[in-house]
Amino acid sequence: MAECGCGNKDGGAGGPFSKGKELVEFVYNAHDGSVRDQPISQGAIAIECQGCKASFTLETYLGKCPECGGVHAVAPMNPVADNVQFAGVDFTLPQ
C-alpha cells in the first residue's frame, strides 16, 4: 500500500499530497473506500487533535478524535505524525 501512486499525477488537489479536508476526503474515497479503515502499516500514530488539542492515537489511515469527533487522516505513502491532516471543525463524514 505504501507504493500507491493514486490520485492526481500532475500534483493537483485531491491526491495523496493534499492538505486538510482534501486529504481527508482523498483517504476516505481511495480505492473505493478500502484504505480508510486499514491499520496504518508502520503502526499507530500518537497525535494531538488539531481541533480540540486532545491527545489520541490514529490507528487507521482515517480516524476521529474521541473527544470532539474531529476527523484526521494520513496518506499511506508516508504515514507519520507530521503528515496527519485535519478536515476542519465543521467537517463530518458521509453517512
C-alpha atoms as a PDB file:
ATOM      1  CA  MET A   1       0.000   0.000   0.000  1.00  0.00           C
ATOM      2  CA  ALA A   2       2.836   2.440   0.687  1.00  0.00           C
ATOM      3  CA  GLU A   3       3.675   2.324  -3.033  1.00  0.00           C
ATOM      4  CA  CYS A   4       0.228   3.606  -4.018  1.00  0.00           C
ATOM      5  CA  GLY A   5       0.538   6.366  -6.559  1.00  0.00           C
ATOM      6  CA  CYS A   6      -3.160   7.005  -6.927  1.00  0.00           C
ATOM      7  CA  GLY A   7      -4.511  10.488  -7.189  1.00  0.00           C
ATOM      8  CA  ASN A   8      -3.569  13.300  -9.476  1.00  0.00           C
ATOM      9  CA  LYS A   9      -0.288  12.668 -11.222  1.00  0.00           C
ATOM     10  CA  ASP A  10       0.088  16.372 -12.015  1.00  0.00           C
ATOM     11  CA  GLY A  11       0.317  17.320  -8.327  1.00  0.00           C
ATOM     12  CA  GLY A  12      -3.130  18.891  -8.281  1.00  0.00           C
ATOM     13  CA  ALA A  13      -5.641  18.909  -5.460  1.00  0.00           C
ATOM     14  CA  GLY A  14      -7.353  15.759  -4.289  1.00  0.00           C
ATOM     15  CA  GLY A  15      -4.415  13.372  -4.264  1.00  0.00           C
ATOM     16  CA  PRO A  16      -2.138  11.833  -1.639  1.00  0.00           C
ATOM     17  CA  PHE A  17      -0.230  15.109  -1.225  1.00  0.00           C
ATOM     18  CA  SER A  18      -3.315  17.211  -0.493  1.00  0.00           C
ATOM     19  CA  LYS A  19      -3.757  19.160   2.723  1.00  0.00           C
ATOM     20  CA  GLY A  20      -6.590  19.445   5.231  1.00  0.00           C
ATOM     21  CA  LYS A  21     -10.094  18.484   4.138  1.00  0.00           C
ATOM     22  CA  GLU A  22      -8.931  17.488   0.643  1.00  0.00           C
ATOM     23  CA  LEU A  23      -6.540  14.868   2.036  1.00  0.00           C
ATOM     24  CA  VAL A  24      -9.197  13.532   4.423  1.00  0.00           C
ATOM     25  CA  GLU A  25     -11.662  13.183   1.540  1.00  0.00           C
ATOM     26  CA  PHE A  26      -8.978  11.553  -0.629  1.00  0.00           C
ATOM     27  CA  VAL A  27      -8.172   8.922   2.018  1.00  0.00           C
ATOM     28  CA  TYR A  28     -11.884   8.352   2.680  1.00  0.00           C
ATOM     29  CA  ASN A  29     -12.516   7.595  -1.004  1.00  0.00           C
ATOM     30  CA  ALA A  30      -9.198   5.979  -2.019  1.00  0.00           C
ATOM     31  CA  HIS A  31      -9.572   2.604  -3.685  1.00  0.00           C
ATOM     32  CA  ASP A  32     -13.350   2.689  -3.262  1.00  0.00           C
ATOM     33  CA  GLY A  33     -13.043   3.216   0.490  1.00  0.00           C
ATOM     34  CA  SER A  34     -10.844   0.203   1.168  1.00  0.00           C
ATOM     35  CA  VAL A  35      -7.949   2.260   2.586  1.00  0.00           C
ATOM     36  CA  ARG A  36      -9.624   4.334   5.285  1.00  0.00           C
ATOM     37  CA  ASP A  37     -10.236   1.561   7.837  1.00  0.00           C
ATOM     38  CA  GLN A  38      -6.977  -0.335   7.367  1.00  0.00           C
ATOM     39  CA  PRO A  39      -4.448  -0.280  10.211  1.00  0.00           C
ATOM     40  CA  ILE A  40      -1.525   2.047   9.486  1.00  0.00           C
ATOM     41  CA  SER A  41       1.185  -0.190   8.041  1.00  0.00           C
ATOM     42  CA  GLN A  42       4.043   1.278  10.115  1.00  0.00           C
ATOM     43  CA  GLY A  43       1.954   1.266  13.282  1.00  0.00           C
ATOM     44  CA  ALA A  44      -0.431   3.592  15.069  1.00  0.00           C
ATOM     45  CA  ILE A  45       0.484   7.283  15.363  1.00  0.00           C
ATOM     46  CA  ALA A  46       0.198   9.251  18.621  1.00  0.00           C
ATOM     47  CA  ILE A  47      -1.122  12.698  17.682  1.00  0.00           C
ATOM     48  CA  GLU A  48      -2.772  15.784  19.090  1.00  0.00           C
ATOM     49  CA  CYS A  49      -6.204  16.618  17.716  1.00  0.00           C
ATOM     50  CA  GLN A  50      -5.869  19.663  15.509  1.00  0.00           C
ATOM     51  CA  GLY A  51      -9.334  20.737  16.628  1.00  0.00           C
ATOM     52  CA  CYS A  52      -9.554  20.391  20.419  1.00  0.00           C
ATOM     53  CA  LYS A  53      -5.879  19.577  21.190  1.00  0.00           C
ATOM     54  CA  ALA A  54      -6.696  16.271  22.938  1.00  0.00           C
ATOM     55  CA  SER A  55      -4.102  13.519  22.578  1.00  0.00           C
ATOM     56  CA  PHE A  56      -5.200  10.338  20.828  1.00  0.00           C
ATOM     57  CA  THR A  57      -3.858   7.518  18.696  1.00  0.00           C
ATOM     58  CA  LEU A  58      -4.619   7.339  14.991  1.00  0.00           C
ATOM     59  CA  GLU A  59      -4.745   3.591  14.357  1.00  0.00           C
ATOM     60  CA  THR A  60      -6.143   3.588  10.819  1.00  0.00           C
ATOM     61  CA  TYR A  61      -5.490   5.898   7.871  1.00  0.00           C
ATOM     62  CA  LEU A  62      -8.636   7.840   8.755  1.00  0.00           C
ATOM     63  CA  GLY A  63      -9.912   8.364  12.277  1.00  0.00           C
ATOM     64  CA  LYS A  64     -11.849  10.621  14.605  1.00  0.00           C
ATOM     65  CA  CYS A  65     -10.773  12.289  17.816  1.00  0.00           C
ATOM     66  CA  PRO A  66     -12.562  10.531  20.689  1.00  0.00           C
ATOM     67  CA  GLU A  67     -13.099  13.877  22.458  1.00  0.00           C
ATOM     68  CA  CYS A  68     -14.515  16.168  19.757  1.00  0.00           C
ATOM     69  CA  GLY A  69     -15.055  13.881  16.750  1.00  0.00           C
ATOM     70  CA  GLY A  70     -12.596  15.842  14.601  1.00  0.00           C
ATOM     71  CA  VAL A  71     -11.695  13.822  11.501  1.00  0.00           C
ATOM     72  CA  HIS A  72      -7.997  13.269  10.768  1.00  0.00           C
ATOM     73  CA  ALA A  73      -6.246  11.282   8.032  1.00  0.00           C
ATOM     74  CA  VAL A  74      -2.800  10.394   6.804  1.00  0.00           C
ATOM     75  CA  ALA A  75      -1.897   9.175   3.324  1.00  0.00           C
ATOM     76  CA  PRO A  76      -0.461   5.648   3.159  1.00  0.00           C
ATOM     77  CA  MET A  77       2.576   6.879   1.232  1.00  0.00           C
ATOM     78  CA  ASN A  78       4.224   8.449   4.306  1.00  0.00           C
ATOM     79  CA  PRO A  79       2.149   7.836   7.456  1.00  0.00           C
ATOM     80  CA  VAL A  80       3.968   9.897  10.083  1.00  0.00           C
ATOM     81  CA  ALA A  81       2.596  12.368  12.629  1.00  0.00           C
ATOM     82  CA  ASP A  82       3.808  15.412  10.668  1.00  0.00           C
ATOM     83  CA  ASN A  83       1.672  14.351   7.690  1.00  0.00           C
ATOM     84  CA  VAL A  84      -1.616  13.874   9.564  1.00  0.00           C
ATOM     85  CA  GLN A  85      -4.213  16.291   8.229  1.00  0.00           C
ATOM     86  CA  PHE A  86      -7.392  17.648   9.847  1.00  0.00           C
ATOM     87  CA  ALA A  87     -10.625  18.171   7.902  1.00  0.00           C
ATOM     88  CA  GLY A  88     -11.775  21.169   9.958  1.00  0.00           C
ATOM     89  CA  VAL A  89     -14.104  21.712  12.890  1.00  0.00           C
ATOM     90  CA  ASP A  90     -17.348  21.538  10.874  1.00  0.00           C
ATOM     91  CA  PHE A  91     -16.459  18.500   8.751  1.00  0.00           C
ATOM     92  CA  THR A  92     -18.480  15.299   9.109  1.00  0.00           C
ATOM     93  CA  LEU A  93     -18.040  12.000   7.335  1.00  0.00           C
ATOM     94  CA  PRO A  94     -20.745  10.852   4.907  1.00  0.00           C
ATOM     95  CA  GLN A  95     -23.280   8.521   6.486  1.00  0.00           C
END
